């Protein structure tokens, strides 16, 4: 009895020994040998798909090709970014569908020197849209800025609007106001998406003994701090990724930490 060991053998022919030894020639299959298959040779990242008559090379739908991120924001905790920016999305080769997230800028806080009384900025809204069979080779992208703070008077500035061409857009959150009407900033509004999420409202302290945070965006929420004396820790109040600015007590030490964060546009590119 013969023993067979599992493995991979590559050979043009195999000789079987024994009574009247014979030779078995290995068959080499070609793509064209398959039945009901298109003669067109597949290209990179294509698969064979049945079209009702035959198997044809097709780009696999729904495969993630790449991701484009438009924002001045980063993943660093000790950082702040509020600048607006413009860009252009360019359709990658093989891209037929995109999934887009658009977030407006956060509103700035109202802060008052040596006072707990303050009002956080509102968060930027977020529009989420799935775009099928996109034919645009390029789309204009706008990223809204974060709003500046208002110190000892007035309302914090409203965050800027972000958009992905004419497909969808999201406005920034309003600034906070500790004078009439005494309120945290209202969050922004979103339009054009399959899902449209308003930004969160900013917190408001009318009296003493309470600091407060800014309104939340889809991505982030800013907090608050009391002393403003440890400069490395002040970043907790600054809005990021579309959230509104928070506020604290000794705001005169660096009120610029009470600003809203820049928005963002993120595009997932699919076949």
Protein backbone atom coordinates (compact mmCIF):
# COMPACT_ATOMS: atom_id res chain seq x y z
CA UNK A 1 0.00 0.00 0.00
CA UNK A 2 1.27 3.48 -0.86
CA UNK A 3 1.44 6.40 1.56
CA UNK A 4 0.46 9.91 0.36
CA UNK A 5 1.86 12.96 2.16
CA UNK A 6 -0.23 16.15 1.96
CA UNK A 7 1.48 19.07 0.27
CA UNK A 8 1.80 21.00 -2.98
CA UNK A 9 3.42 19.43 -6.04
CA UNK A 10 4.07 21.31 -9.29
CA UNK A 11 4.88 19.11 -12.26
CA UNK A 12 4.26 18.92 -15.98
CA UNK A 13 3.71 15.14 -15.74
CA UNK A 14 3.59 12.40 -13.12
CA UNK A 15 4.88 8.87 -13.78
CA UNK A 16 3.06 6.01 -12.03
CA UNK A 17 5.35 2.98 -11.65
CA UNK A 18 4.24 -0.59 -11.42
CA UNK A 19 2.88 -3.12 -13.86
CA UNK A 20 2.93 -1.44 -17.24
CA UNK A 21 4.04 1.97 -15.86
CA UNK A 22 2.20 4.96 -17.35
CA UNK A 23 2.57 8.72 -17.51
CA UNK A 24 -0.19 11.21 -16.54
CA UNK A 25 0.27 14.70 -18.06
CA UNK A 26 -0.88 17.69 -15.95
CA UNK A 27 -3.67 19.71 -17.51
CA UNK A 28 -3.05 23.48 -17.71
CA UNK A 29 -6.29 25.49 -17.56
CA UNK A 30 -6.69 28.80 -19.29
CA UNK A 31 -9.19 31.56 -18.46
CA UNK A 32 -10.81 31.01 -21.85
CA UNK A 33 -11.36 27.31 -21.08
CA UNK A 34 -14.10 28.13 -18.53
CA UNK A 35 -17.69 27.80 -19.71
CA UNK A 36 -19.94 30.86 -20.03
CA UNK A 37 -17.14 33.27 -19.20
CA UNK A 38 -16.48 36.51 -21.05
CA UNK A 39 -13.30 36.53 -23.11
CA UNK A 40 -12.36 39.87 -21.51
CA UNK A 41 -9.41 39.45 -19.15
CA UNK A 42 -10.06 40.83 -15.63
CA UNK A 43 -7.99 43.76 -14.38
CA UNK A 44 -6.66 44.43 -10.89
CA UNK A 45 -9.30 44.25 -8.12
CA UNK A 46 -12.00 42.85 -10.43
CA UNK A 47 -14.04 39.70 -9.79
CA UNK A 48 -16.21 37.47 -11.98
CA UNK A 49 -19.90 38.27 -11.60
CA UNK A 50 -22.89 36.53 -13.21
CA UNK A 51 -24.94 38.91 -15.38
CA UNK A 52 -27.71 36.42 -16.17
CA UNK A 53 -26.00 35.05 -19.30
CA UNK A 54 -22.32 34.69 -18.53
CA UNK A 55 -19.56 35.44 -16.01
CA UNK A 56 -18.03 38.85 -16.69
CA UNK A 57 -15.13 40.72 -15.02
CA UNK A 58 -16.59 43.40 -12.74
CA UNK A 59 -15.21 45.84 -10.20
CA UNK A 60 -16.44 44.71 -6.81
CA UNK A 61 -19.00 47.31 -5.63
CA UNK A 62 -18.73 48.70 -2.12
CA UNK A 63 -14.99 48.18 -1.67
CA UNK A 64 -13.32 51.00 0.27
CA UNK A 65 -10.64 52.63 -1.88
CA UNK A 66 -9.46 55.54 0.27
CA UNK A 67 -10.47 58.26 2.74
CA UNK A 68 -10.05 62.04 2.31
CA UNK A 69 -10.02 64.25 5.43
CA UNK A 70 -10.41 68.02 5.05
CA UNK A 71 -9.77 69.89 8.32
CA UNK A 72 -6.99 71.74 10.15
CA UNK A 73 -7.77 69.60 13.21
CA UNK A 74 -5.47 66.83 14.49
CA UNK A 75 -5.61 64.05 17.06
CA UNK A 76 -3.37 65.88 19.55
CA UNK A 77 -5.03 66.69 22.89
CA UNK A 78 -2.85 69.73 23.58
CA UNK A 79 -3.68 71.64 20.42
CA UNK A 80 -6.27 74.04 19.03
CA UNK A 81 -7.33 74.68 15.46
CA UNK A 82 -10.07 77.02 14.37
CA UNK A 83 -9.08 78.25 10.91
CA UNK A 84 -11.41 77.91 7.94
CA UNK A 85 -10.13 76.18 4.81
CA UNK A 86 -11.16 75.37 1.26
CA UNK A 87 -10.19 72.36 -0.78
CA UNK A 88 -11.12 70.13 -3.71
CA UNK A 89 -12.14 66.50 -3.60
CA UNK A 90 -10.86 64.58 -6.62
CA UNK A 91 -12.58 61.32 -7.52
CA UNK A 92 -10.12 58.41 -7.30
CA UNK A 93 -9.85 55.91 -10.14
CA UNK A 94 -12.58 53.30 -9.81
CA UNK A 95 -14.65 55.34 -7.34
CA UNK A 96 -18.40 55.23 -8.01
CA UNK A 97 -19.86 55.91 -4.55
CA UNK A 98 -18.91 58.13 -1.61
CA UNK A 99 -19.96 58.40 2.03
CA UNK A 100 -19.59 61.98 3.27
CA UNK A 101 -19.53 63.54 6.75
CA UNK A 102 -19.77 67.35 6.88
CA UNK A 103 -19.44 69.21 10.22
CA UNK A 104 -19.66 72.99 10.77
CA UNK A 105 -17.41 75.00 13.08
CA UNK A 106 -18.09 75.44 16.79
CA UNK A 107 -19.30 78.72 18.29
CA UNK A 108 -17.17 80.82 20.65
CA UNK A 109 -17.93 81.17 24.36
CA UNK A 110 -18.79 84.34 26.27
CA UNK A 111 -16.44 84.71 29.23
CA UNK A 112 -16.08 87.33 31.97
CA UNK A 113 -12.97 88.20 33.98
CA UNK A 114 -12.88 86.82 37.54
CA UNK A 115 -16.36 85.39 37.21
CA UNK A 116 -17.97 81.98 36.96
CA UNK A 117 -20.64 83.53 34.85
CA UNK A 118 -20.18 82.40 31.27
CA UNK A 119 -21.86 80.74 28.31
CA UNK A 120 -20.38 78.04 26.09
CA UNK A 121 -20.58 78.14 22.32
CA UNK A 122 -22.88 75.85 20.36
CA UNK A 123 -21.57 72.83 18.47
CA UNK A 124 -21.48 72.69 14.68
CA UNK A 125 -24.08 70.52 12.95
CA UNK A 126 -23.23 67.36 10.96
CA UNK A 127 -24.69 66.19 7.65
CA UNK A 128 -24.09 62.55 6.64
CA UNK A 129 -24.76 61.53 3.03
CA UNK A 130 -24.32 58.42 0.88
CA UNK A 131 -23.87 59.45 -2.77
CA UNK A 132 -24.23 56.64 -5.35
CA UNK A 133 -22.97 56.65 -8.93
CA UNK A 134 -21.16 59.93 -8.48
CA UNK A 135 -19.95 61.33 -11.80
CA UNK A 136 -18.21 64.51 -10.65
CA UNK A 137 -14.46 64.40 -11.22
CA UNK A 138 -14.01 67.12 -8.59
CA UNK A 139 -16.17 68.64 -5.84
CA UNK A 140 -15.51 71.89 -3.97
CA UNK A 141 -15.02 71.44 -0.22
CA UNK A 142 -15.48 74.15 2.42
CA UNK A 143 -14.49 73.73 6.07
CA UNK A 144 -16.03 76.24 8.50
CA UNK A 145 -13.94 78.06 11.09
CA UNK A 146 -14.42 78.00 14.84
CA UNK A 147 -15.93 81.16 16.34
CA UNK A 148 -13.91 83.56 18.51
CA UNK A 149 -14.75 84.17 22.17
CA UNK A 150 -16.46 87.32 23.50
CA UNK A 151 -14.75 88.70 26.62
CA UNK A 152 -16.67 90.91 29.09
CA UNK A 153 -19.35 91.87 26.60
CA UNK A 154 -21.38 90.70 23.62
CA UNK A 155 -21.92 87.26 22.19
CA UNK A 156 -19.27 84.78 21.06
CA UNK A 157 -18.87 84.47 17.31
CA UNK A 158 -20.79 81.90 15.27
CA UNK A 159 -18.82 79.05 13.71
CA UNK A 160 -18.49 78.82 9.93
CA UNK A 161 -20.47 76.63 7.53
CA UNK A 162 -18.93 73.48 6.01
CA UNK A 163 -20.08 71.89 2.75
CA UNK A 164 -19.40 69.19 0.15
CA UNK A 165 -20.28 70.95 -3.09
CA UNK A 166 -24.05 71.34 -3.42
CA UNK A 167 -24.69 67.88 -1.99
CA UNK A 168 -24.87 68.72 1.73
CA UNK A 169 -23.87 71.37 4.24
CA UNK A 170 -23.74 72.06 7.99
CA UNK A 171 -23.77 75.45 9.70
CA UNK A 172 -21.67 76.39 12.70
CA UNK A 173 -22.88 76.75 16.26
CA UNK A 174 -23.81 80.17 17.65
CA UNK A 175 -21.74 81.91 20.30
CA UNK A 176 -22.70 82.05 23.97
CA UNK A 177 -24.16 85.19 25.61
CA UNK A 178 -24.29 86.01 29.35
CA UNK A 179 -26.32 89.18 28.83
CA UNK A 180 -29.90 89.08 27.58
CA UNK A 181 -31.10 86.56 26.40
CA UNK A 182 -28.70 84.77 28.81
CA UNK A 183 -28.00 81.53 26.98
CA UNK A 184 -25.41 79.11 25.76
CA UNK A 185 -24.91 79.07 22.01
CA UNK A 186 -27.48 77.19 19.96
CA UNK A 187 -26.07 74.36 17.84
CA UNK A 188 -25.84 74.58 14.05
CA UNK A 189 -28.24 73.05 11.50
CA UNK A 190 -27.57 70.50 8.75
CA UNK A 191 -29.20 70.05 5.34
CA UNK A 192 -28.92 67.77 2.31
CA UNK A 193 -27.82 64.63 4.11
CA UNK A 194 -29.50 61.26 4.55
CA UNK A 195 -28.95 61.99 8.25
CA UNK A 196 -28.88 65.62 9.46
CA UNK A 197 -27.74 66.18 13.05
CA UNK A 198 -27.97 69.57 14.79
CA UNK A 199 -25.07 70.64 16.98
CA UNK A 200 -25.36 70.51 20.75
CA UNK A 201 -26.17 73.64 22.77
CA UNK A 202 -23.56 75.35 24.95
CA UNK A 203 -23.83 75.45 28.74
CA UNK A 204 -24.72 78.66 30.62
CA UNK A 205 -23.99 79.80 34.19
CA UNK A 206 -26.04 82.81 35.30
CA UNK A 207 -24.61 82.93 38.81
CA UNK A 208 -21.43 82.03 40.67
CA UNK A 209 -19.69 78.73 41.40
CA UNK A 210 -20.04 76.98 38.07
CA UNK A 211 -17.81 76.70 35.02
CA UNK A 212 -19.25 75.12 31.89
CA UNK A 213 -18.48 73.40 28.61
CA UNK A 214 -19.31 74.08 24.99
CA UNK A 215 -21.90 72.36 22.82
CA UNK A 216 -21.00 68.94 21.45
CA UNK A 217 -20.36 68.20 17.79
CA UNK A 218 -20.63 64.74 16.21
CA UNK A 219 -16.95 64.25 17.04
CA UNK A 220 -16.01 66.17 20.21
CA UNK A 221 -17.10 68.11 23.31
CA UNK A 222 -15.04 70.82 25.05
CA UNK A 223 -14.90 71.01 28.85
CA UNK A 224 -14.04 73.74 31.35
CA UNK A 225 -11.31 74.83 33.79
CA UNK A 226 -11.13 77.12 36.81
CA UNK A 227 -7.71 78.77 37.14
CA UNK A 228 -6.21 79.06 33.61
CA UNK A 229 -2.82 78.91 35.36
CA UNK A 230 -1.40 75.70 33.91
CA UNK A 231 -1.07 76.62 30.26
CA UNK A 232 -0.72 73.00 29.15
CA UNK A 233 -4.17 72.24 30.57
CA UNK A 234 -6.11 75.12 29.07
CA UNK A 235 -6.80 73.19 25.90
CA UNK A 236 -9.64 71.34 27.63
CA UNK A 237 -11.85 74.41 27.04
CA UNK A 238 -11.05 74.98 23.38
CA UNK A 239 -13.50 73.54 20.84
CA UNK A 240 -12.20 70.82 18.53
CA UNK A 241 -13.63 69.11 15.46
CA UNK A 242 -16.65 71.43 15.40
CA UNK A 243 -17.44 71.60 19.12
CA UNK A 244 -18.22 74.91 20.83
CA UNK A 245 -15.81 76.62 23.20
CA UNK A 246 -16.11 76.16 26.97
CA UNK A 247 -15.35 78.71 29.71
CA UNK A 248 -13.91 79.06 33.21
CA UNK A 249 -13.28 81.56 36.01
CA UNK A 250 -9.96 83.36 35.35
CA UNK A 251 -10.61 83.81 31.65
CA UNK A 252 -8.43 86.94 31.47
CA UNK A 253 -5.36 84.68 31.74
CA UNK A 254 -6.04 83.43 28.20
CA UNK A 255 -9.55 83.93 26.88
CA UNK A 256 -8.47 82.66 23.44
CA UNK A 257 -8.88 79.16 24.87
CA UNK A 258 -12.66 79.72 24.86
CA UNK A 259 -12.99 79.56 21.07
CA UNK A 260 -14.85 77.06 18.94
CA UNK A 261 -13.12 74.34 16.93
CA UNK A 262 -12.85 74.16 13.15
CA UNK A 263 -15.27 71.93 11.31
CA UNK A 264 -14.38 69.07 8.97
CA UNK A 265 -15.37 67.23 5.79
CA UNK A 266 -14.54 63.51 5.60
CA UNK A 267 -15.09 61.50 2.40
CA UNK A 268 -14.98 57.70 2.20
CA UNK A 269 -14.41 56.59 -1.40
CA UNK A 270 -15.91 53.28 -2.57
CA UNK A 271 -16.05 51.35 -5.83
